[in-house]
Amino acid sequence: YELMEFIRPMGIPVIFITAKSSLDDKMKGLTSGAEDYLVK
């Protein structure tokens, strides 16, 4: 999440790959600027 703040101004698309599978985590990931969210 912290790194996403650094990446976002660069305009590079991001896909989160994570074990955090709750709906709240997905919403946080997508609203932080990621293009997609894939659960391990």
PDB file of all heavy atoms in Angstrom:
ATOM      1  N   TYR A   1       0.827  -1.201   0.000  1.00  0.00           N
ATOM      2  CA  TYR A   1       0.000   0.000   0.000  1.00  0.00           C
ATOM      3  C   TYR A   1       0.868   1.261   0.000  1.00  0.00           C
ATOM      4  O   TYR A   1       0.585   2.226  -0.715  1.00  0.00           O
ATOM      5  CB  TYR A   1      -0.923   0.016   1.209  1.00  0.00           C
ATOM      6  CG  TYR A   1      -1.996  -1.052   1.196  1.00  0.00           C
ATOM      7  CD1 TYR A   1      -2.252  -1.819   2.331  1.00  0.00           C
ATOM      8  CD2 TYR A   1      -2.770  -1.285   0.057  1.00  0.00           C
ATOM      9  CE1 TYR A   1      -3.239  -2.800   2.333  1.00  0.00           C
ATOM     10  CE2 TYR A   1      -3.764  -2.260   0.047  1.00  0.00           C
ATOM     11  CZ  TYR A   1      -3.989  -3.010   1.186  1.00  0.00           C
ATOM     12  OH  TYR A   1      -4.967  -3.982   1.187  1.00  0.00           O
ATOM     13  N   GLU A   2       1.905   1.237   0.816  1.00  0.00           N
ATOM     14  CA  GLU A   2       2.813   2.396   0.866  1.00  0.00           C
ATOM     15  C   GLU A   2       3.538   2.572  -0.471  1.00  0.00           C
ATOM     16  O   GLU A   2       3.700   3.705  -0.953  1.00  0.00           O
ATOM     17  CB  GLU A   2       3.825   2.215   2.002  1.00  0.00           C
ATOM     18  CG  GLU A   2       3.196   2.241   3.385  1.00  0.00           C
ATOM     19  CD  GLU A   2       4.153   1.756   4.476  1.00  0.00           C
ATOM     20  OE1 GLU A   2       5.104   1.011   4.158  1.00  0.00           O
ATOM     21  OE2 GLU A   2       3.938   2.140   5.637  1.00  0.00           O
ATOM     22  N   LEU A   3       3.968   1.463  -1.052  1.00  0.00           N
ATOM     23  CA  LEU A   3       4.663   1.539  -2.331  1.00  0.00           C
ATOM     24  C   LEU A   3       3.711   2.030  -3.431  1.00  0.00           C
ATOM     25  O   LEU A   3       4.129   2.743  -4.350  1.00  0.00           O
ATOM     26  CB  LEU A   3       5.230   0.168  -2.695  1.00  0.00           C
ATOM     27  CG  LEU A   3       6.169   0.114  -3.902  1.00  0.00           C
ATOM     28  CD1 LEU A   3       7.363   1.036  -3.702  1.00  0.00           C
ATOM     29  CD2 LEU A   3       6.652  -1.308  -4.148  1.00  0.00           C
ATOM     30  N   MET A   4       2.443   1.679  -3.314  1.00  0.00           N
ATOM     31  CA  MET A   4       1.456   2.125  -4.303  1.00  0.00           C
ATOM     32  C   MET A   4       1.377   3.644  -4.336  1.00  0.00           C
ATOM     33  O   MET A   4       1.199   4.246  -5.406  1.00  0.00           O
ATOM     34  CB  MET A   4       0.091   1.519  -3.953  1.00  0.00           C
ATOM     35  CG  MET A   4      -0.972   1.725  -5.006  1.00  0.00           C
ATOM     36  SD  MET A   4      -0.659   0.794  -6.518  1.00  0.00           S
ATOM     37  CE  MET A   4      -1.197   1.981  -7.733  1.00  0.00           C
ATOM     38  N   GLU A   5       1.510   4.283  -3.178  1.00  0.00           N
ATOM     39  CA  GLU A   5       1.508   5.747  -3.132  1.00  0.00           C
ATOM     40  C   GLU A   5       2.674   6.320  -3.925  1.00  0.00           C
ATOM     41  O   GLU A   5       2.557   7.377  -4.549  1.00  0.00           O
ATOM     42  CB  GLU A   5       1.585   6.214  -1.667  1.00  0.00           C
ATOM     43  CG  GLU A   5       0.371   5.871  -0.832  1.00  0.00           C
ATOM     44  CD  GLU A   5      -0.870   6.607  -1.315  1.00  0.00           C
ATOM     45  OE1 GLU A   5      -0.770   7.803  -1.639  1.00  0.00           O
ATOM     46  OE2 GLU A   5      -1.935   5.972  -1.395  1.00  0.00           O
ATOM     47  N   PHE A   6       3.795   5.619  -3.900  1.00  0.00           N
ATOM     48  CA  PHE A   6       4.989   6.046  -4.635  1.00  0.00           C
ATOM     49  C   PHE A   6       4.826   5.812  -6.136  1.00  0.00           C
ATOM     50  O   PHE A   6       5.272   6.610  -6.963  1.00  0.00           O
ATOM     51  CB  PHE A   6       6.208   5.271  -4.096  1.00  0.00           C
ATOM     52  CG  PHE A   6       7.510   5.615  -4.737  1.00  0.00           C
ATOM     53  CD1 PHE A   6       8.164   6.804  -4.441  1.00  0.00           C
ATOM     54  CD2 PHE A   6       8.107   4.741  -5.638  1.00  0.00           C
ATOM     55  CE1 PHE A   6       9.384   7.120  -5.032  1.00  0.00           C
ATOM     56  CE2 PHE A   6       9.317   5.040  -6.240  1.00  0.00           C
ATOM     57  CZ  PHE A   6       9.954   6.242  -5.938  1.00  0.00           C
ATOM     58  N   ILE A   7       4.146   4.713  -6.489  1.00  0.00           N
ATOM     59  CA  ILE A   7       4.007   4.318  -7.893  1.00  0.00           C
ATOM     60  C   ILE A   7       2.957   5.145  -8.618  1.00  0.00           C
ATOM     61  O   ILE A   7       3.130   5.493  -9.796  1.00  0.00           O
ATOM     62  CB  ILE A   7       3.639   2.824  -7.989  1.00  0.00           C
ATOM     63  CG1 ILE A   7       4.778   1.948  -7.464  1.00  0.00           C
ATOM     64  CG2 ILE A   7       3.293   2.425  -9.426  1.00  0.00           C
ATOM     65  CD1 ILE A   7       4.381   0.498  -7.277  1.00  0.00           C
ATOM     66  N   ARG A   8       1.877   5.487  -7.933  1.00  0.00           N
ATOM     67  CA  ARG A   8       0.711   6.065  -8.607  1.00  0.00           C
ATOM     68  C   ARG A   8       1.031   7.284  -9.482  1.00  0.00           C
ATOM     69  O   ARG A   8       0.543   7.351 -10.627  1.00  0.00           O
ATOM     70  CB  ARG A   8      -0.365   6.416  -7.579  1.00  0.00           C
ATOM     71  CG  ARG A   8      -1.700   6.771  -8.232  1.00  0.00           C
ATOM     72  CD  ARG A   8      -2.847   6.709  -7.240  1.00  0.00           C
ATOM     73  NE  ARG A   8      -2.561   7.516  -6.076  1.00  0.00           N
ATOM     74  CZ  ARG A   8      -2.796   7.134  -4.824  1.00  0.00           C
ATOM     75  NH1 ARG A   8      -3.315   5.960  -4.595  1.00  0.00           N
ATOM     76  NH2 ARG A   8      -2.520   7.917  -3.814  1.00  0.00           N
ATOM     77  N   PRO A   9       1.839   8.236  -9.032  1.00  0.00           N
ATOM     78  CA  PRO A   9       2.132   9.384  -9.900  1.00  0.00           C
ATOM     79  C   PRO A   9       2.898   9.012 -11.172  1.00  0.00           C
ATOM     80  O   PRO A   9       2.929   9.808 -12.122  1.00  0.00           O
ATOM     81  CB  PRO A   9       2.987  10.295  -9.006  1.00  0.00           C
ATOM     82  CG  PRO A   9       2.694   9.867  -7.610  1.00  0.00           C
ATOM     83  CD  PRO A   9       2.441   8.401  -7.694  1.00  0.00           C
ATOM     84  N   MET A  10       3.508   7.819 -11.210  1.00  0.00           N
ATOM     85  CA  MET A  10       4.279   7.405 -12.376  1.00  0.00           C
ATOM     86  C   MET A  10       3.386   6.894 -13.513  1.00  0.00           C
ATOM     87  O   MET A  10       3.840   6.769 -14.651  1.00  0.00           O
ATOM     88  CB  MET A  10       5.264   6.292 -11.989  1.00  0.00           C
ATOM     89  CG  MET A  10       6.256   6.696 -10.937  1.00  0.00           C
ATOM     90  SD  MET A  10       7.333   5.303 -10.488  1.00  0.00           S
ATOM     91  CE  MET A  10       8.367   6.083  -9.222  1.00  0.00           C
ATOM     92  N   GLY A  11       2.142   6.567 -13.199  1.00  0.00           N
ATOM     93  CA  GLY A  11       1.222   6.091 -14.220  1.00  0.00           C
ATOM     94  C   GLY A  11       1.481   4.666 -14.684  1.00  0.00           C
ATOM     95  O   GLY A  11       1.052   4.274 -15.774  1.00  0.00           O
ATOM     96  N   ILE A  12       2.188   3.876 -13.867  1.00  0.00           N
ATOM     97  CA  ILE A  12       2.467   2.480 -14.215  1.00  0.00           C
ATOM     98  C   ILE A  12       1.335   1.610 -13.675  1.00  0.00           C
ATOM     99  O   ILE A  12       1.025   1.673 -12.483  1.00  0.00           O
ATOM    100  CB  ILE A  12       3.805   1.998 -13.622  1.00  0.00           C
ATOM    101  CG1 ILE A  12       4.948   2.908 -14.071  1.00  0.00           C
ATOM    102  CG2 ILE A  12       4.085   0.553 -14.024  1.00  0.00           C
ATOM    103  CD1 ILE A  12       6.264   2.618 -13.353  1.00  0.00           C
ATOM    104  N   PRO A  13       0.690   0.795 -14.505  1.00  0.00           N
ATOM    105  CA  PRO A  13      -0.388  -0.067 -13.995  1.00  0.00           C
ATOM    106  C   PRO A  13       0.143  -1.111 -13.015  1.00  0.00           C
ATOM    107  O   PRO A  13       1.246  -1.627 -13.178  1.00  0.00           O
ATOM    108  CB  PRO A  13      -0.957  -0.722 -15.254  1.00  0.00           C
ATOM    109  CG  PRO A  13       0.126  -0.628 -16.273  1.00  0.00           C
ATOM    110  CD  PRO A  13       0.891   0.615 -15.955  1.00  0.00           C
ATOM    111  N   VAL A  14      -0.676  -1.397 -12.000  1.00  0.00           N
ATOM    112  CA  VAL A  14      -0.295  -2.330 -10.930  1.00  0.00           C
ATOM    113  C   VAL A  14      -1.378  -3.382 -10.768  1.00  0.00           C
ATOM    114  O   VAL A  14      -2.574  -3.076 -10.784  1.00  0.00           O
ATOM    115  CB  VAL A  14      -0.096  -1.575  -9.597  1.00  0.00           C
ATOM    116  CG1 VAL A  14       0.090  -2.571  -8.447  1.00  0.00           C
ATOM    117  CG2 VAL A  14       1.097  -0.625  -9.681  1.00  0.00           C
ATOM    118  N   ILE A  15      -0.954  -4.632 -10.621  1.00  0.00           N
ATOM    119  CA  ILE A  15      -1.841  -5.714 -10.199  1.00  0.00           C
ATOM    120  C   ILE A  15      -1.361  -6.200  -8.839  1.00  0.00           C
ATOM    121  O   ILE A  15      -0.212  -6.626  -8.705  1.00  0.00           O
ATOM    122  CB  ILE A  15      -1.835  -6.887 -11.197  1.00  0.00           C
ATOM    123  CG1 ILE A  15      -2.334  -6.439 -12.571  1.00  0.00           C
ATOM    124  CG2 ILE A  15      -2.698  -8.043 -10.670  1.00  0.00           C
ATOM    125  CD1 ILE A  15      -2.270  -7.524 -13.634  1.00  0.00           C
ATOM    126  N   PHE A  16      -2.208  -6.099  -7.827  1.00  0.00           N
ATOM    127  CA  PHE A  16      -1.854  -6.649  -6.522  1.00  0.00           C
ATOM    128  C   PHE A  16      -1.962  -8.173  -6.572  1.00  0.00           C
ATOM    129  O   PHE A  16      -2.937  -8.721  -7.087  1.00  0.00           O
ATOM    130  CB  PHE A  16      -2.788  -6.121  -5.433  1.00  0.00           C
ATOM    131  CG  PHE A  16      -2.379  -4.798  -4.848  1.00  0.00           C
ATOM    132  CD1 PHE A  16      -3.256  -3.723  -4.852  1.00  0.00           C
ATOM    133  CD2 PHE A  16      -1.125  -4.628  -4.292  1.00  0.00           C
ATOM    134  CE1 PHE A  16      -2.894  -2.512  -4.307  1.00  0.00           C
ATOM    135  CE2 PHE A  16      -0.742  -3.414  -3.746  1.00  0.00           C
ATOM    136  CZ  PHE A  16      -1.630  -2.352  -3.755  1.00  0.00           C
ATOM    137  N   ILE A  17      -0.954  -8.868  -6.035  1.00  0.00           N
ATOM    138  CA  ILE A  17      -0.996 -10.320  -5.862  1.00  0.00           C
ATOM    139  C   ILE A  17      -0.759 -10.581  -4.377  1.00  0.00           C
ATOM    140  O   ILE A  17       0.308 -10.294  -3.854  1.00  0.00           O
ATOM    141  CB  ILE A  17       0.054 -11.031  -6.739  1.00  0.00           C
ATOM    142  CG1 ILE A  17       1.439 -10.382  -6.628  1.00  0.00           C
ATOM    143  CG2 ILE A  17      -0.385 -11.024  -8.198  1.00  0.00           C
ATOM    144  CD1 ILE A  17       2.536 -11.151  -7.328  1.00  0.00           C
ATOM    145  N   THR A  18      -1.753 -11.107  -3.698  1.00  0.00           N
ATOM    146  CA  THR A  18      -1.696 -11.131  -2.243  1.00  0.00           C
ATOM    147  C   THR A  18      -2.541 -12.254  -1.657  1.00  0.00           C
ATOM    148  O   THR A  18      -3.461 -12.755  -2.308  1.00  0.00           O
ATOM    149  CB  THR A  18      -2.185  -9.781  -1.686  1.00  0.00           C
ATOM    150  OG1 THR A  18      -2.216  -9.809  -0.249  1.00  0.00           O
ATOM    151  CG2 THR A  18      -3.575  -9.446  -2.205  1.00  0.00           C
ATOM    152  N   ALA A  19      -2.225 -12.620  -0.425  1.00  0.00           N
ATOM    153  CA  ALA A  19      -3.028 -13.603   0.307  1.00  0.00           C
ATOM    154  C   ALA A  19      -4.183 -12.945   1.045  1.00  0.00           C
ATOM    155  O   ALA A  19      -5.043 -13.633   1.598  1.00  0.00           O
ATOM    156  CB  ALA A  19      -2.140 -14.354   1.303  1.00  0.00           C
ATOM    157  N   LYS A  20      -4.231 -11.613   1.065  1.00  0.00           N
ATOM    158  CA  LYS A  20      -5.296 -10.886   1.769  1.00  0.00           C
ATOM    159  C   LYS A  20      -6.559 -10.938   0.915  1.00  0.00           C
ATOM    160  O   LYS A  20      -6.634 -10.302  -0.136  1.00  0.00           O
ATOM    161  CB  LYS A  20      -4.865  -9.451   2.038  1.00  0.00           C
ATOM    162  CG  LYS A  20      -3.630  -9.368   2.956  1.00  0.00           C
ATOM    163  CD  LYS A  20      -3.076  -7.965   3.046  1.00  0.00           C
ATOM    164  CE  LYS A  20      -3.935  -7.052   3.907  1.00  0.00           C
ATOM    165  NZ  LYS A  20      -3.940  -7.459   5.328  1.00  0.00           N
ATOM    166  N   SER A  21      -7.534 -11.736   1.368  1.00  0.00           N
ATOM    167  CA  SER A  21      -8.669 -12.081   0.514  1.00  0.00           C
ATOM    168  C   SER A  21     -10.001 -11.465   0.921  1.00  0.00           C
ATOM    169  O   SER A  21     -11.012 -11.685   0.250  1.00  0.00           O
ATOM    170  CB  SER A  21      -8.835 -13.604   0.474  1.00  0.00           C
ATOM    171  OG  SER A  21      -9.069 -14.109   1.779  1.00  0.00           O
ATOM    172  N   SER A  22     -10.037 -10.685   1.988  1.00  0.00           N
ATOM    173  CA  SER A  22     -11.314 -10.132   2.420  1.00  0.00           C
ATOM    174  C   SER A  22     -11.795  -9.058   1.452  1.00  0.00           C
ATOM    175  O   SER A  22     -11.010  -8.458   0.706  1.00  0.00           O
ATOM    176  CB  SER A  22     -11.196  -9.531   3.822  1.00  0.00           C
ATOM    177  OG  SER A  22     -10.484  -8.301   3.782  1.00  0.00           O
ATOM    178  N   LEU A  23     -13.090  -8.799   1.461  1.00  0.00           N
ATOM    179  CA  LEU A  23     -13.662  -7.775   0.593  1.00  0.00           C
ATOM    180  C   LEU A  23     -13.072  -6.402   0.911  1.00  0.00           C
ATOM    181  O   LEU A  23     -12.793  -5.602   0.003  1.00  0.00           O
ATOM    182  CB  LEU A  23     -15.185  -7.744   0.751  1.00  0.00           C
ATOM    183  CG  LEU A  23     -15.924  -6.714  -0.113  1.00  0.00           C
ATOM    184  CD1 LEU A  23     -15.645  -6.940  -1.587  1.00  0.00           C
ATOM    185  CD2 LEU A  23     -17.418  -6.768   0.173  1.00  0.00           C
ATOM    186  N   ASP A  24     -12.856  -6.124   2.209  1.00  0.00           N
ATOM    187  CA  ASP A  24     -12.269  -4.837   2.599  1.00  0.00           C
ATOM    188  C   ASP A  24     -10.874  -4.677   2.007  1.00  0.00           C
ATOM    189  O   ASP A  24     -10.511  -3.586   1.539  1.00  0.00           O
ATOM    190  CB  ASP A  24     -12.198  -4.719   4.125  1.00  0.00           C
ATOM    191  CG  ASP A  24     -13.564  -4.483   4.754  1.00  0.00           C
ATOM    192  OD1 ASP A  24     -14.505  -4.106   4.010  1.00  0.00           O
ATOM    193  OD2 ASP A  24     -13.697  -4.683   5.971  1.00  0.00           O
ATOM    194  N   ASP A  25     -10.083  -5.757   2.028  1.00  0.00           N
ATOM    195  CA  ASP A  25      -8.730  -5.691   1.459  1.00  0.00           C
ATOM    196  C   ASP A  25      -8.794  -5.432  -0.042  1.00  0.00           C
ATOM    197  O   ASP A  25      -8.021  -4.631  -0.586  1.00  0.00           O
ATOM    198  CB  ASP A  25      -7.972  -6.992   1.725  1.00  0.00           C
ATOM    199  CG  ASP A  25      -7.565  -7.138   3.179  1.00  0.00           C
ATOM    200  OD1 ASP A  25      -7.193  -6.121   3.792  1.00  0.00           O
ATOM    201  OD2 ASP A  25      -7.625  -8.261   3.693  1.00  0.00           O
ATOM    202  N   LYS A  26      -9.715  -6.133  -0.728  1.00  0.00           N
ATOM    203  CA  LYS A  26      -9.851  -5.932  -2.171  1.00  0.00           C
ATOM    204  C   LYS A  26     -10.253  -4.504  -2.494  1.00  0.00           C
ATOM    205  O   LYS A  26      -9.709  -3.875  -3.409  1.00  0.00           O
ATOM    206  CB  LYS A  26     -10.874  -6.912  -2.745  1.00  0.00           C
ATOM    207  CG  LYS A  26     -10.428  -8.367  -2.713  1.00  0.00           C
ATOM    208  CD  LYS A  26     -11.509  -9.270  -3.291  1.00  0.00           C
ATOM    209  CE  LYS A  26     -11.101 -10.731  -3.213  1.00  0.00           C
ATOM    210  NZ  LYS A  26     -12.164 -11.633  -3.742  1.00  0.00           N
ATOM    211  N   MET A  27     -11.210  -3.982  -1.737  1.00  0.00           N
ATOM    212  CA  MET A  27     -11.652  -2.611  -1.972  1.00  0.00           C
ATOM    213  C   MET A  27     -10.524  -1.621  -1.720  1.00  0.00           C
ATOM    214  O   MET A  27     -10.329  -0.669  -2.481  1.00  0.00           O
ATOM    215  CB  MET A  27     -12.857  -2.301  -1.082  1.00  0.00           C
ATOM    216  CG  MET A  27     -14.117  -3.056  -1.452  1.00  0.00           C
ATOM    217  SD  MET A  27     -14.677  -2.707  -3.138  1.00  0.00           S
ATOM    218  CE  MET A  27     -15.074  -0.968  -2.979  1.00  0.00           C
ATOM    219  N   LYS A  28      -9.765  -1.857  -0.662  1.00  0.00           N
ATOM    220  CA  LYS A  28      -8.641  -0.962  -0.362  1.00  0.00           C
ATOM    221  C   LYS A  28      -7.607  -1.010  -1.475  1.00  0.00           C
ATOM    222  O   LYS A  28      -7.062   0.029  -1.882  1.00  0.00           O
ATOM    223  CB  LYS A  28      -8.002  -1.352   0.972  1.00  0.00           C
ATOM    224  CG  LYS A  28      -6.867  -0.426   1.406  1.00  0.00           C
ATOM    225  CD  LYS A  28      -6.336  -0.799   2.780  1.00  0.00           C
ATOM    226  CE  LYS A  28      -5.197   0.139   3.190  1.00  0.00           C
ATOM    227  NZ  LYS A  28      -4.670  -0.200   4.542  1.00  0.00           N
ATOM    228  N   GLY A  29      -7.320  -2.231  -1.965  1.00  0.00           N
ATOM    229  CA  GLY A  29      -6.332  -2.371  -3.022  1.00  0.00           C
ATOM    230  C   GLY A  29      -6.747  -1.681  -4.306  1.00  0.00           C
ATOM    231  O   GLY A  29      -5.966  -0.957  -4.928  1.00  0.00           O
ATOM    232  N   LEU A  30      -8.006  -1.860  -4.696  1.00  0.00           N
ATOM    233  CA  LEU A  30      -8.478  -1.275  -5.949  1.00  0.00           C
ATOM    234  C   LEU A  30      -8.657   0.233  -5.849  1.00  0.00           C
ATOM    235  O   LEU A  30      -8.354   0.972  -6.786  1.00  0.00           O
ATOM    236  CB  LEU A  30      -9.783  -1.948  -6.376  1.00  0.00           C
ATOM    237  CG  LEU A  30      -9.656  -3.418  -6.775  1.00  0.00           C
ATOM    238  CD1 LEU A  30     -11.033  -4.047  -6.980  1.00  0.00           C
ATOM    239  CD2 LEU A  30      -8.806  -3.580  -8.033  1.00  0.00           C
ATOM    240  N   THR A  31      -9.127   0.708  -4.697  1.00  0.00           N
ATOM    241  CA  THR A  31      -9.301   2.153  -4.548  1.00  0.00           C
ATOM    242  C   THR A  31      -7.970   2.875  -4.344  1.00  0.00           C
ATOM    243  O   THR A  31      -7.902   4.092  -4.501  1.00  0.00           O
ATOM    244  CB  THR A  31     -10.239   2.480  -3.362  1.00  0.00           C
ATOM    245  OG1 THR A  31      -9.728   1.875  -2.158  1.00  0.00           O
ATOM    246  CG2 THR A  31     -11.648   1.973  -3.621  1.00  0.00           C
ATOM    247  N   SER A  32      -6.913   2.133  -4.034  1.00  0.00           N
ATOM    248  CA  SER A  32      -5.592   2.763  -3.904  1.00  0.00           C
ATOM    249  C   SER A  32      -4.978   3.076  -5.260  1.00  0.00           C
ATOM    250  O   SER A  32      -3.959   3.760  -5.341  1.00  0.00           O
ATOM    251  CB  SER A  32      -4.648   1.852  -3.115  1.00  0.00           C
ATOM    252  OG  SER A  32      -4.278   0.719  -3.881  1.00  0.00           O
ATOM    253  N   GLY A  33      -5.595   2.539  -6.323  1.00  0.00           N
ATOM    254  CA  GLY A  33      -5.102   2.844  -7.660  1.00  0.00           C
ATOM    255  C   GLY A  33      -4.687   1.637  -8.476  1.00  0.00           C
ATOM    256  O   GLY A  33      -4.308   1.784  -9.641  1.00  0.00           O
ATOM    257  N   ALA A  34      -4.754   0.429  -7.902  1.00  0.00           N
ATOM    258  CA  ALA A  34      -4.370  -0.773  -8.647  1.00  0.00           C
ATOM    259  C   ALA A  34      -5.406  -1.080  -9.729  1.00  0.00           C
ATOM    260  O   ALA A  34      -6.598  -0.798  -9.570  1.00  0.00           O
ATOM    261  CB  ALA A  34      -4.241  -1.961  -7.704  1.00  0.00           C
ATOM    262  N   GLU A  35      -4.938  -1.663 -10.830  1.00  0.00           N
ATOM    263  CA  GLU A  35      -5.829  -2.039 -11.927  1.00  0.00           C
ATOM    264  C   GLU A  35      -6.562  -3.343 -11.655  1.00  0.00           C
ATOM    265  O   GLU A  35      -7.652  -3.578 -12.177  1.00  0.00           O
ATOM    266  CB  GLU A  35      -5.024  -2.172 -13.229  1.00  0.00           C
ATOM    267  CG  GLU A  35      -4.521  -0.874 -13.779  1.00  0.00           C
ATOM    268  CD  GLU A  35      -5.643   0.012 -14.283  1.00  0.00           C
ATOM    269  OE1 GLU A  35      -6.610  -0.516 -14.848  1.00  0.00           O
ATOM    270  OE2 GLU A  35      -5.549   1.237 -14.094  1.00  0.00           O
ATOM    271  N   ASP A  36      -5.954  -4.216 -10.836  1.00  0.00           N
ATOM    272  CA  ASP A  36      -6.562  -5.513 -10.570  1.00  0.00           C
ATOM    273  C   ASP A  36      -6.034  -6.031  -9.246  1.00  0.00           C
ATOM    274  O   ASP A  36      -5.041  -5.518  -8.697  1.00  0.00           O
ATOM    275  CB  ASP A  36      -6.248  -6.499 -11.700  1.00  0.00           C
ATOM    276  CG  ASP A  36      -7.281  -7.616 -11.820  1.00  0.00           C
ATOM    277  OD1 ASP A  36      -8.080  -7.798 -10.884  1.00  0.00           O
ATOM    278  OD2 ASP A  36      -7.282  -8.306 -12.850  1.00  0.00           O
ATOM    279  N   TYR A  37      -6.685  -7.067  -8.724  1.00  0.00           N
ATOM    280  CA  TYR A  37      -6.363  -7.614  -7.407  1.00  0.00           C
ATOM    281  C   TYR A  37      -6.544  -9.122  -7.496  1.00  0.00           C
ATOM    282  O   TYR A  37      -7.657  -9.612  -7.695  1.00  0.00           O
ATOM    283  CB  TYR A  37      -7.319  -7.007  -6.371  1.00  0.00           C
ATOM    284  CG  TYR A  37      -6.976  -7.260  -4.916  1.00  0.00           C
ATOM    285  CD1 TYR A  37      -6.429  -6.251  -4.134  1.00  0.00           C
ATOM    286  CD2 TYR A  37      -7.237  -8.490  -4.320  1.00  0.00           C
ATOM    287  CE1 TYR A  37      -6.153  -6.450  -2.789  1.00  0.00           C
ATOM    288  CE2 TYR A  37      -6.947  -8.709  -2.983  1.00  0.00           C
ATOM    289  CZ  TYR A  37      -6.410  -7.681  -2.227  1.00  0.00           C
ATOM    290  OH  TYR A  37      -6.125  -7.885  -0.897  1.00  0.00           O
ATOM    291  N   LEU A  38      -5.449  -9.870  -7.379  1.00  0.00           N
ATOM    292  CA  LEU A  38      -5.468 -11.325  -7.544  1.00  0.00           C
ATOM    293  C   LEU A  38      -5.052 -11.986  -6.236  1.00  0.00           C
ATOM    294  O   LEU A  38      -3.996 -11.687  -5.687  1.00  0.00           O
ATOM    295  CB  LEU A  38      -4.519 -11.727  -8.671  1.00  0.00           C
ATOM    296  CG  LEU A  38      -4.530 -13.178  -9.135  1.00  0.00           C
ATOM    297  CD1 LEU A  38      -5.932 -13.603  -9.579  1.00  0.00           C
ATOM    298  CD2 LEU A  38      -3.546 -13.363 -10.276  1.00  0.00           C
ATOM    299  N   VAL A  39      -5.899 -12.881  -5.749  1.00  0.00           N
ATOM    300  CA  VAL A  39      -5.676 -13.510  -4.445  1.00  0.00           C
ATOM    301  C   VAL A  39      -4.923 -14.830  -4.621  1.00  0.00           C
ATOM    302  O   VAL A  39      -5.261 -15.644  -5.482  1.00  0.00           O
ATOM    303  CB  VAL A  39      -7.022 -13.760  -3.725  1.00  0.00           C
ATOM    304  CG1 VAL A  39      -6.798 -14.498  -2.402  1.00  0.00           C
ATOM    305  CG2 VAL A  39      -7.743 -12.440  -3.488  1.00  0.00           C
ATOM    306  N   LYS A  40      -3.890 -15.038  -3.798  1.00  0.00           N
ATOM    307  CA  LYS A  40      -3.161 -16.303  -3.769  1.00  0.00           C
ATOM    308  C   LYS A  40      -3.994 -17.356  -3.034  1.00  0.00           C
ATOM    309  O   LYS A  40      -4.681 -17.021  -2.075  1.00  0.00           O
ATOM    310  CB  LYS A  40      -1.823 -16.139  -3.028  1.00  0.00           C
ATOM    311  CG  LYS A  40      -0.911 -15.058  -3.547  1.00  0.00           C
ATOM    312  CD  LYS A  40       0.282 -14.924  -2.596  1.00  0.00           C
ATOM    313  CE  LYS A  40       1.116 -13.709  -2.893  1.00  0.00           C
ATOM    314  NZ  LYS A  40       2.166 -13.513  -1.864  1.00  0.00           N
TER     315      LYS A  40
END
